[in-house]
Amino acid sequence: MSTNTTTTNIGTTNIGKRVKLILAGVGGSAVLAMSVFGVALAQEQQSDPALMAKSNVMNIGSSATTTTAPATVEATQMAVPAIKGPAPLPSEQQAAE
């Protein structure tokens, strides 16, 4: 029985080592990709200083629109339905009756 347990443990440790090695490779690749992206972004920001704003005044971004109300406002009329009583049935339902 001990030989079966040893074989199982050896097989499990080999699989565990492979998984750890694969995960380490994925993690290393992620770190490398993030550092390359960071360097590229930093170079892009420093590449053309002419594109930077050259103003000493800070704009807050507020805007105001002013309109004058009309001199006279018409009174709102009461709503009146166009059809009084029950609405006529569609032609399909009239034919069925």
PDB file of N, CA and C in Angstrom:
ATOM      1  N   MET A   1       0.808  -1.197   0.000  1.00  0.00           N
ATOM      2  CA  MET A   1       0.000   0.000   0.000  1.00  0.00           C
ATOM      3  C   MET A   1       0.850   1.260   0.000  1.00  0.00           C
ATOM      4  N   SER A   2       1.973   1.227   0.630  1.00  0.00           N
ATOM      5  CA  SER A   2       2.798   2.424   0.696  1.00  0.00           C
ATOM      6  C   SER A   2       3.352   2.804  -0.666  1.00  0.00           C
ATOM      7  N   THR A   3       3.550   1.839  -1.547  1.00  0.00           N
ATOM      8  CA  THR A   3       4.060   2.166  -2.885  1.00  0.00           C
ATOM      9  C   THR A   3       3.023   2.943  -3.687  1.00  0.00           C
ATOM     10  N   ASN A   4       1.739   2.619  -3.537  1.00  0.00           N
ATOM     11  CA  ASN A   4       0.698   3.361  -4.231  1.00  0.00           C
ATOM     12  C   ASN A   4       0.622   4.792  -3.726  1.00  0.00           C
ATOM     13  N   THR A   5       0.737   4.993  -2.421  1.00  0.00           N
ATOM     14  CA  THR A   5       0.697   6.325  -1.839  1.00  0.00           C
ATOM     15  C   THR A   5       1.883   7.146  -2.320  1.00  0.00           C
ATOM     16  N   THR A   6       3.057   6.533  -2.376  1.00  0.00           N
ATOM     17  CA  THR A   6       4.253   7.237  -2.819  1.00  0.00           C
ATOM     18  C   THR A   6       4.107   7.637  -4.289  1.00  0.00           C
ATOM     19  N   THR A   7       3.584   6.759  -5.104  1.00  0.00           N
ATOM     20  CA  THR A   7       3.407   7.066  -6.512  1.00  0.00           C
ATOM     21  C   THR A   7       2.415   8.214  -6.698  1.00  0.00           C
ATOM     22  N   THR A   8       1.327   8.187  -5.932  1.00  0.00           N
ATOM     23  CA  THR A   8       0.335   9.246  -6.013  1.00  0.00           C
ATOM     24  C   THR A   8       0.930  10.577  -5.570  1.00  0.00           C
ATOM     25  N   ASN A   9       1.677  10.571  -4.494  1.00  0.00           N
ATOM     26  CA  ASN A   9       2.292  11.812  -4.010  1.00  0.00           C
ATOM     27  C   ASN A   9       3.300  12.359  -5.014  1.00  0.00           C
ATOM     28  N   ILE A  10       4.073  11.468  -5.625  1.00  0.00           N
ATOM     29  CA  ILE A  10       5.063  11.921  -6.598  1.00  0.00           C
ATOM     30  C   ILE A  10       4.353  12.534  -7.807  1.00  0.00           C
ATOM     31  N   GLY A  11       3.301  11.873  -8.282  1.00  0.00           N
ATOM     32  CA  GLY A  11       2.542  12.409  -9.411  1.00  0.00           C
ATOM     33  C   GLY A  11       1.911  13.741  -9.080  1.00  0.00           C
ATOM     34  N   THR A  12       1.390  13.900  -7.861  1.00  0.00           N
ATOM     35  CA  THR A  12       0.762  15.144  -7.440  1.00  0.00           C
ATOM     36  C   THR A  12       1.781  16.259  -7.340  1.00  0.00           C
ATOM     37  N   THR A  13       2.945  15.983  -6.805  1.00  0.00           N
ATOM     38  CA  THR A  13       3.953  17.037  -6.670  1.00  0.00           C
ATOM     39  C   THR A  13       4.463  17.485  -8.033  1.00  0.00           C
ATOM     40  N   ASN A  14       4.554  16.560  -8.994  1.00  0.00           N
ATOM     41  CA  ASN A  14       4.986  16.961 -10.335  1.00  0.00           C
ATOM     42  C   ASN A  14       3.964  17.885 -10.974  1.00  0.00           C
ATOM     43  N   ILE A  15       2.677  17.569 -10.804  1.00  0.00           N
ATOM     44  CA  ILE A  15       1.626  18.429 -11.353  1.00  0.00           C
ATOM     45  C   ILE A  15       1.630  19.774 -10.646  1.00  0.00           C
ATOM     46  N   GLY A  16       1.800  19.761  -9.334  1.00  0.00           N
ATOM     47  CA  GLY A  16       1.848  21.010  -8.576  1.00  0.00           C
ATOM     48  C   GLY A  16       3.013  21.892  -8.995  1.00  0.00           C
ATOM     49  N   LYS A  17       4.156  21.262  -9.253  1.00  0.00           N
ATOM     50  CA  LYS A  17       5.317  22.039  -9.698  1.00  0.00           C
ATOM     51  C   LYS A  17       5.064  22.659 -11.071  1.00  0.00           C
ATOM     52  N   ARG A  18       4.405  21.906 -11.960  1.00  0.00           N
ATOM     53  CA  ARG A  18       4.111  22.438 -13.285  1.00  0.00           C
ATOM     54  C   ARG A  18       3.147  23.622 -13.203  1.00  0.00           C
ATOM     55  N   VAL A  19       2.132  23.468 -12.354  1.00  0.00           N
ATOM     56  CA  VAL A  19       1.162  24.550 -12.204  1.00  0.00           C
ATOM     57  C   VAL A  19       1.830  25.789 -11.641  1.00  0.00           C
ATOM     58  N   LYS A  20       2.683  25.591 -10.629  1.00  0.00           N
ATOM     59  CA  LYS A  20       3.401  26.740 -10.052  1.00  0.00           C
ATOM     60  C   LYS A  20       4.310  27.398 -11.094  1.00  0.00           C
ATOM     61  N   LEU A  21       4.945  26.579 -11.905  1.00  0.00           N
ATOM     62  CA  LEU A  21       5.836  27.131 -12.931  1.00  0.00           C
ATOM     63  C   LEU A  21       5.040  27.918 -13.975  1.00  0.00           C
ATOM     64  N   ILE A  22       3.892  27.385 -14.375  1.00  0.00           N
ATOM     65  CA  ILE A  22       3.055  28.097 -15.352  1.00  0.00           C
ATOM     66  C   ILE A  22       2.535  29.398 -14.762  1.00  0.00           C
ATOM     67  N   LEU A  23       2.056  29.347 -13.516  1.00  0.00           N
ATOM     68  CA  LEU A  23       1.548  30.569 -12.878  1.00  0.00           C
ATOM     69  C   LEU A  23       2.655  31.600 -12.681  1.00  0.00           C
ATOM     70  N   ALA A  24       3.862  31.151 -12.373  1.00  0.00           N
ATOM     71  CA  ALA A  24       4.984  32.089 -12.240  1.00  0.00           C
ATOM     72  C   ALA A  24       5.289  32.748 -13.582  1.00  0.00           C
ATOM     73  N   GLY A  25       5.203  31.981 -14.668  1.00  0.00           N
ATOM     74  CA  GLY A  25       5.425  32.548 -15.997  1.00  0.00           C
ATOM     75  C   GLY A  25       4.362  33.563 -16.365  1.00  0.00           C
ATOM     76  N   VAL A  26       3.099  33.257 -16.045  1.00  0.00           N
ATOM     77  CA  VAL A  26       2.008  34.198 -16.324  1.00  0.00           C
ATOM     78  C   VAL A  26       2.178  35.473 -15.508  1.00  0.00           C
ATOM     79  N   GLY A  27       2.521  35.325 -14.227  1.00  0.00           N
ATOM     80  CA  GLY A  27       2.726  36.501 -13.374  1.00  0.00           C
ATOM     81  C   GLY A  27       3.891  37.346 -13.847  1.00  0.00           C
ATOM     82  N   GLY A  28       4.979  36.695 -14.224  1.00  0.00           N
ATOM     83  CA  GLY A  28       6.141  37.434 -14.734  1.00  0.00           C
ATOM     84  C   GLY A  28       5.819  38.172 -16.018  1.00  0.00           C
ATOM     85  N   SER A  29       5.047  37.528 -16.883  1.00  0.00           N
ATOM     86  CA  SER A  29       4.651  38.184 -18.131  1.00  0.00           C
ATOM     87  C   SER A  29       3.766  39.394 -17.857  1.00  0.00           C
ATOM     88  N   ALA A  30       2.889  39.287 -16.861  1.00  0.00           N
ATOM     89  CA  ALA A  30       2.023  40.412 -16.518  1.00  0.00           C
ATOM     90  C   ALA A  30       2.840  41.584 -15.990  1.00  0.00           C
ATOM     91  N   VAL A  31       3.809  41.298 -15.141  1.00  0.00           N
ATOM     92  CA  VAL A  31       4.661  42.367 -14.604  1.00  0.00           C
ATOM     93  C   VAL A  31       5.455  43.021 -15.726  1.00  0.00           C
ATOM     94  N   LEU A  32       5.976  42.224 -16.628  1.00  0.00           N
ATOM     95  CA  LEU A  32       6.738  42.768 -17.750  1.00  0.00           C
ATOM     96  C   LEU A  32       5.849  43.637 -18.643  1.00  0.00           C
ATOM     97  N   ALA A  33       4.635  43.177 -18.924  1.00  0.00           N
ATOM     98  CA  ALA A  33       3.728  43.954 -19.766  1.00  0.00           C
ATOM     99  C   ALA A  33       3.351  45.275 -19.104  1.00  0.00           C
ATOM    100  N   MET A  34       3.097  45.267 -17.793  1.00  0.00           N
ATOM    101  CA  MET A  34       2.754  46.518 -17.097  1.00  0.00           C
ATOM    102  C   MET A  34       3.919  47.497 -17.103  1.00  0.00           C
ATOM    103  N   SER A  35       5.132  46.994 -16.942  1.00  0.00           N
ATOM    104  CA  SER A  35       6.272  47.915 -16.945  1.00  0.00           C
ATOM    105  C   SER A  35       6.497  48.496 -18.344  1.00  0.00           C
ATOM    106  N   VAL A  36       6.327  47.703 -19.383  1.00  0.00           N
ATOM    107  CA  VAL A  36       6.469  48.217 -20.749  1.00  0.00           C
ATOM    108  C   VAL A  36       5.399  49.264 -21.029  1.00  0.00           C
ATOM    109  N   PHE A  37       4.182  48.997 -20.594  1.00  0.00           N
ATOM    110  CA  PHE A  37       3.090  49.955 -20.778  1.00  0.00           C
ATOM    111  C   PHE A  37       3.377  51.249 -20.018  1.00  0.00           C
ATOM    112  N   GLY A  38       3.898  51.148 -18.807  1.00  0.00           N
ATOM    113  CA  GLY A  38       4.228  52.341 -18.021  1.00  0.00           C
ATOM    114  C   GLY A  38       5.310  53.182 -18.670  1.00  0.00           C
ATOM    115  N   VAL A  39       6.333  52.537 -19.188  1.00  0.00           N
ATOM    116  CA  VAL A  39       7.410  53.272 -19.862  1.00  0.00           C
ATOM    117  C   VAL A  39       6.885  53.952 -21.122  1.00  0.00           C
ATOM    118  N   ALA A  40       6.059  53.258 -21.883  1.00  0.00           N
ATOM    119  CA  ALA A  40       5.504  53.848 -23.104  1.00  0.00           C
ATOM    120  C   ALA A  40       4.625  55.050 -22.777  1.00  0.00           C
ATOM    121  N   LEU A  41       3.847  54.943 -21.723  1.00  0.00           N
ATOM    122  CA  LEU A  41       2.973  56.048 -21.335  1.00  0.00           C
ATOM    123  C   LEU A  41       3.794  57.246 -20.850  1.00  0.00           C
ATOM    124  N   ALA A  42       4.848  56.989 -20.104  1.00  0.00           N
ATOM    125  CA  ALA A  42       5.693  58.082 -19.616  1.00  0.00           C
ATOM    126  C   ALA A  42       6.396  58.787 -20.777  1.00  0.00           C
ATOM    127  N   GLN A  43       6.844  58.040 -21.760  1.00  0.00           N
ATOM    128  CA  GLN A  43       7.510  58.653 -22.907  1.00  0.00           C
ATOM    129  C   GLN A  43       6.534  59.466 -23.746  1.00  0.00           C
ATOM    130  N   GLU A  44       5.299  58.998 -23.832  1.00  0.00           N
ATOM    131  CA  GLU A  44       4.304  59.736 -24.606  1.00  0.00           C
ATOM    132  C   GLU A  44       3.993  61.075 -23.962  1.00  0.00           C
ATOM    133  N   GLN A  45       3.940  61.113 -22.642  1.00  0.00           N
ATOM    134  CA  GLN A  45       3.625  62.353 -21.944  1.00  0.00           C
ATOM    135  C   GLN A  45       4.764  63.357 -22.045  1.00  0.00           C
ATOM    136  N   GLN A  46       5.990  62.885 -22.140  1.00  0.00           N
ATOM    137  CA  GLN A  46       7.142  63.783 -22.184  1.00  0.00           C
ATOM    138  C   GLN A  46       7.582  64.093 -23.612  1.00  0.00           C
ATOM    139  N   SER A  47       6.978  63.462 -24.608  1.00  0.00           N
ATOM    140  CA  SER A  47       7.493  63.569 -25.969  1.00  0.00           C
ATOM    141  C   SER A  47       7.292  64.945 -26.606  1.00  0.00           C
ATOM    142  N   ASP A  48       6.139  65.582 -26.393  1.00  0.00           N
ATOM    143  CA  ASP A  48       5.868  66.840 -27.087  1.00  0.00           C
ATOM    144  C   ASP A  48       5.366  67.893 -26.108  1.00  0.00           C
ATOM    145  N   PRO A  49       6.276  68.702 -25.546  1.00  0.00           N
ATOM    146  CA  PRO A  49       5.841  69.725 -24.593  1.00  0.00           C
ATOM    147  C   PRO A  49       5.046  70.854 -25.248  1.00  0.00           C
ATOM    148  N   ALA A  50       5.069  70.949 -26.583  1.00  0.00           N
ATOM    149  CA  ALA A  50       4.323  72.008 -27.261  1.00  0.00           C
ATOM    150  C   ALA A  50       2.816  71.781 -27.145  1.00  0.00           C
ATOM    151  N   LEU A  51       2.403  70.549 -26.862  1.00  0.00           N
ATOM    152  CA  LEU A  51       0.987  70.254 -26.748  1.00  0.00           C
ATOM    153  C   LEU A  51       0.410  70.646 -25.389  1.00  0.00           C
ATOM    154  N   MET A  52       1.275  71.005 -24.447  1.00  0.00           N
ATOM    155  CA  MET A  52       0.799  71.380 -23.123  1.00  0.00           C
ATOM    156  C   MET A  52       0.165  72.764 -23.156  1.00  0.00           C
ATOM    157  N   ALA A  53      -0.753  73.004 -22.270  1.00  0.00           N
ATOM    158  CA  ALA A  53      -1.400  74.315 -22.174  1.00  0.00           C
ATOM    159  C   ALA A  53      -0.396  75.332 -21.653  1.00  0.00           C
ATOM    160  N   LYS A  54      -0.402  76.524 -22.243  1.00  0.00           N
ATOM    161  CA  LYS A  54       0.555  77.562 -21.847  1.00  0.00           C
ATOM    162  C   LYS A  54      -0.190  78.754 -21.270  1.00  0.00           C
ATOM    163  N   SER A  55      -0.970  78.510 -20.236  1.00  0.00           N
ATOM    164  CA  SER A  55      -1.728  79.586 -19.624  1.00  0.00           C
ATOM    165  C   SER A  55      -1.521  79.551 -18.118  1.00  0.00           C
ATOM    166  N   ASN A  56      -1.482  80.732 -17.517  1.00  0.00           N
ATOM    167  CA  ASN A  56      -1.352  80.823 -16.073  1.00  0.00           C
ATOM    168  C   ASN A  56      -2.704  80.980 -15.398  1.00  0.00           C
ATOM    169  N   VAL A  57      -3.767  81.093 -16.162  1.00  0.00           N
ATOM    170  CA  VAL A  57      -5.101  81.298 -15.623  1.00  0.00           C
ATOM    171  C   VAL A  57      -5.825  79.955 -15.580  1.00  0.00           C
ATOM    172  N   MET A  58      -6.433  79.672 -14.435  1.00  0.00           N
ATOM    173  CA  MET A  58      -7.174  78.429 -14.312  1.00  0.00           C
ATOM    174  C   MET A  58      -8.624  78.664 -14.705  1.00  0.00           C
ATOM    175  N   ASN A  59      -9.122  77.810 -15.585  1.00  0.00           N
ATOM    176  CA  ASN A  59     -10.519  77.882 -15.978  1.00  0.00           C
ATOM    177  C   ASN A  59     -11.294  76.828 -15.216  1.00  0.00           C
ATOM    178  N   ILE A  60     -12.366  77.240 -14.587  1.00  0.00           N
ATOM    179  CA  ILE A  60     -13.151  76.309 -13.789  1.00  0.00           C
ATOM    180  C   ILE A  60     -14.139  75.561 -14.662  1.00  0.00           C
ATOM    181  N   GLY A  61     -14.582  76.127 -15.726  1.00  0.00           N
ATOM    182  CA  GLY A  61     -15.494  75.454 -16.629  1.00  0.00           C
ATOM    183  C   GLY A  61     -16.946  75.791 -16.390  1.00  0.00           C
ATOM    184  N   SER A  62     -17.194  76.870 -15.718  1.00  0.00           N
ATOM    185  CA  SER A  62     -18.593  77.239 -15.503  1.00  0.00           C
ATOM    186  C   SER A  62     -19.102  78.009 -16.716  1.00  0.00           C
ATOM    187  N   SER A  63     -20.376  77.846 -17.005  1.00  0.00           N
ATOM    188  CA  SER A  63     -20.987  78.574 -18.101  1.00  0.00           C
ATOM    189  C   SER A  63     -22.377  79.023 -17.674  1.00  0.00           C
ATOM    190  N   ALA A  64     -22.814  80.101 -18.245  1.00  0.00           N
ATOM    191  CA  ALA A  64     -24.138  80.627 -17.914  1.00  0.00           C
ATOM    192  C   ALA A  64     -24.843  81.008 -19.201  1.00  0.00           C
ATOM    193  N   THR A  65     -26.097  80.621 -19.304  1.00  0.00           N
ATOM    194  CA  THR A  65     -26.912  81.018 -20.444  1.00  0.00           C
ATOM    195  C   THR A  65     -28.100  81.795 -19.916  1.00  0.00           C
ATOM    196  N   THR A  66     -28.292  82.959 -20.465  1.00  0.00           N
ATOM    197  CA  THR A  66     -29.414  83.783 -20.025  1.00  0.00           C
ATOM    198  C   THR A  66     -30.382  83.945 -21.179  1.00  0.00           C
ATOM    199  N   THR A  67     -31.649  83.793 -20.874  1.00  0.00           N
ATOM    200  CA  THR A  67     -32.691  83.992 -21.876  1.00  0.00           C
ATOM    201  C   THR A  67     -33.772  84.869 -21.254  1.00  0.00           C
ATOM    202  N   THR A  68     -34.427  85.592 -22.096  1.00  0.00           N
ATOM    203  CA  THR A  68     -35.530  86.416 -21.597  1.00  0.00           C
ATOM    204  C   THR A  68     -36.837  85.688 -21.861  1.00  0.00           C
ATOM    205  N   ALA A  69     -37.702  85.693 -20.874  1.00  0.00           N
ATOM    206  CA  ALA A  69     -38.993  85.030 -21.011  1.00  0.00           C
ATOM    207  C   ALA A  69     -39.888  85.832 -21.937  1.00  0.00           C
ATOM    208  N   PRO A  70     -40.804  85.190 -22.634  1.00  0.00           N
ATOM    209  CA  PRO A  70     -41.726  85.944 -23.495  1.00  0.00           C
ATOM    210  C   PRO A  70     -42.590  86.885 -22.654  1.00  0.00           C
ATOM    211  N   ALA A  71     -42.999  87.984 -23.269  1.00  0.00           N
ATOM    212  CA  ALA A  71     -43.770  89.007 -22.538  1.00  0.00           C
ATOM    213  C   ALA A  71     -45.109  88.459 -22.077  1.00  0.00           C
ATOM    214  N   THR A  72     -45.782  87.704 -22.911  1.00  0.00           N
ATOM    215  CA  THR A  72     -47.082  87.158 -22.518  1.00  0.00           C
ATOM    216  C   THR A  72     -47.046  85.646 -22.631  1.00  0.00           C
ATOM    217  N   VAL A  73     -47.638  85.014 -21.672  1.00  0.00           N
ATOM    218  CA  VAL A  73     -47.698  83.561 -21.671  1.00  0.00           C
ATOM    219  C   VAL A  73     -49.156  83.164 -21.815  1.00  0.00           C
ATOM    220  N   GLU A  74     -49.442  82.344 -22.815  1.00  0.00           N
ATOM    221  CA  GLU A  74     -50.811  81.911 -23.018  1.00  0.00           C
ATOM    222  C   GLU A  74     -51.228  80.960 -21.902  1.00  0.00           C
ATOM    223  N   ALA A  75     -52.490  81.057 -21.521  1.00  0.00           N
ATOM    224  CA  ALA A  75     -53.001  80.167 -20.491  1.00  0.00           C
ATOM    225  C   ALA A  75     -53.132  78.760 -21.051  1.00  0.00           C
ATOM    226  N   THR A  76     -52.851  77.790 -20.218  1.00  0.00           N
ATOM    227  CA  THR A  76     -52.976  76.403 -20.630  1.00  0.00           C
ATOM    228  C   THR A  76     -54.445  76.018 -20.653  1.00  0.00           C
ATOM    229  N   GLN A  77     -54.875  75.429 -21.753  1.00  0.00           N
ATOM    230  CA  GLN A  77     -56.271  75.035 -21.863  1.00  0.00           C
ATOM    231  C   GLN A  77     -56.462  73.663 -21.226  1.00  0.00           C
ATOM    232  N   MET A  78     -57.682  73.373 -20.852  1.00  0.00           N
ATOM    233  CA  MET A  78     -57.992  72.091 -20.275  1.00  0.00           C
ATOM    234  C   MET A  78     -58.011  71.047 -21.387  1.00  0.00           C
ATOM    235  N   ALA A  79     -57.492  69.876 -21.097  1.00  0.00           N
ATOM    236  CA  ALA A  79     -57.462  68.805 -22.083  1.00  0.00           C
ATOM    237  C   ALA A  79     -58.856  68.245 -22.297  1.00  0.00           C
ATOM    238  N   VAL A  80     -59.216  68.048 -23.549  1.00  0.00           N
ATOM    239  CA  VAL A  80     -60.534  67.513 -23.914  1.00  0.00           C
ATOM    240  C   VAL A  80     -60.301  66.305 -24.807  1.00  0.00           C
ATOM    241  N   PRO A  81     -60.892  65.146 -24.479  1.00  0.00           N
ATOM    242  CA  PRO A  81     -60.679  63.967 -25.327  1.00  0.00           C
ATOM    243  C   PRO A  81     -61.302  64.159 -26.704  1.00  0.00           C
ATOM    244  N   ALA A  82     -60.674  63.601 -27.731  1.00  0.00           N
ATOM    245  CA  ALA A  82     -61.163  63.743 -29.092  1.00  0.00           C
ATOM    246  C   ALA A  82     -62.357  62.839 -29.351  1.00  0.00           C
ATOM    247  N   ILE A  83     -62.417  61.698 -28.688  1.00  0.00           N
ATOM    248  CA  ILE A  83     -63.517  60.754 -28.883  1.00  0.00           C
ATOM    249  C   ILE A  83     -64.275  60.649 -27.573  1.00  0.00           C
ATOM    250  N   LYS A  84     -65.573  60.784 -27.624  1.00  0.00           N
ATOM    251  CA  LYS A  84     -66.380  60.636 -26.414  1.00  0.00           C
ATOM    252  C   LYS A  84     -67.102  59.296 -26.490  1.00  0.00           C
ATOM    253  N   GLY A  85     -67.192  58.620 -25.388  1.00  0.00           N
ATOM    254  CA  GLY A  85     -67.855  57.326 -25.350  1.00  0.00           C
ATOM    255  C   GLY A  85     -66.881  56.218 -25.700  1.00  0.00           C
ATOM    256  N   PRO A  86     -67.374  55.005 -25.883  1.00  0.00           N
ATOM    257  CA  PRO A  86     -66.471  53.892 -26.196  1.00  0.00           C
ATOM    258  C   PRO A  86     -65.910  54.033 -27.609  1.00  0.00           C
ATOM    259  N   ALA A  87     -64.663  53.629 -27.754  1.00  0.00           N
ATOM    260  CA  ALA A  87     -64.011  53.695 -29.060  1.00  0.00           C
ATOM    261  C   ALA A  87     -64.557  52.593 -29.952  1.00  0.00           C
ATOM    262  N   PRO A  88     -64.637  52.823 -31.265  1.00  0.00           N
ATOM    263  CA  PRO A  88     -65.122  51.781 -32.172  1.00  0.00           C
ATOM    264  C   PRO A  88     -64.150  50.609 -32.211  1.00  0.00           C
ATOM    265  N   LEU A  89     -64.652  49.405 -32.401  1.00  0.00           N
ATOM    266  CA  LEU A  89     -63.817  48.211 -32.488  1.00  0.00           C
ATOM    267  C   LEU A  89     -63.081  48.187 -33.815  1.00  0.00           C
ATOM    268  N   PRO A  90     -61.924  47.551 -33.834  1.00  0.00           N
ATOM    269  CA  PRO A  90     -61.240  47.365 -35.109  1.00  0.00           C
ATOM    270  C   PRO A  90     -62.086  46.496 -36.048  1.00  0.00           C
ATOM    271  N   SER A  91     -61.824  46.556 -37.338  1.00  0.00           N
ATOM    272  CA  SER A  91     -62.637  45.857 -38.336  1.00  0.00           C
ATOM    273  C   SER A  91     -62.604  44.344 -38.128  1.00  0.00           C
ATOM    274  N   GLU A  92     -61.478  43.771 -37.665  1.00  0.00           N
ATOM    275  CA  GLU A  92     -61.393  42.335 -37.437  1.00  0.00           C
ATOM    276  C   GLU A  92     -62.361  41.902 -36.344  1.00  0.00           C
ATOM    277  N   GLN A  93     -62.450  42.684 -35.273  1.00  0.00           N
ATOM    278  CA  GLN A  93     -63.335  42.318 -34.167  1.00  0.00           C
ATOM    279  C   GLN A  93     -64.793  42.552 -34.551  1.00  0.00           C
ATOM    280  N   GLN A  94     -65.088  43.540 -35.364  1.00  0.00           N
ATOM    281  CA  GLN A  94     -66.463  43.771 -35.804  1.00  0.00           C
ATOM    282  C   GLN A  94     -66.931  42.619 -36.680  1.00  0.00           C
ATOM    283  N   ALA A  95     -66.048  42.090 -37.501  1.00  0.00           N
ATOM    284  CA  ALA A  95     -66.402  40.979 -38.389  1.00  0.00           C
ATOM    285  C   ALA A  95     -66.648  39.706 -37.585  1.00  0.00           C
ATOM    286  N   ALA A  96     -65.940  39.555 -36.434  1.00  0.00           N
ATOM    287  CA  ALA A  96     -66.097  38.361 -35.612  1.00  0.00           C
ATOM    288  C   ALA A  96     -67.422  38.353 -34.894  1.00  0.00           C
ATOM    289  N   GLU A  97     -68.019  39.471 -34.659  1.00  0.00           N
ATOM    290  CA  GLU A  97     -69.290  39.537 -33.937  1.00  0.00           C
ATOM    291  C   GLU A  97     -70.422  39.327 -34.831  1.00  0.00           C
TER     292      GLU A  97
END
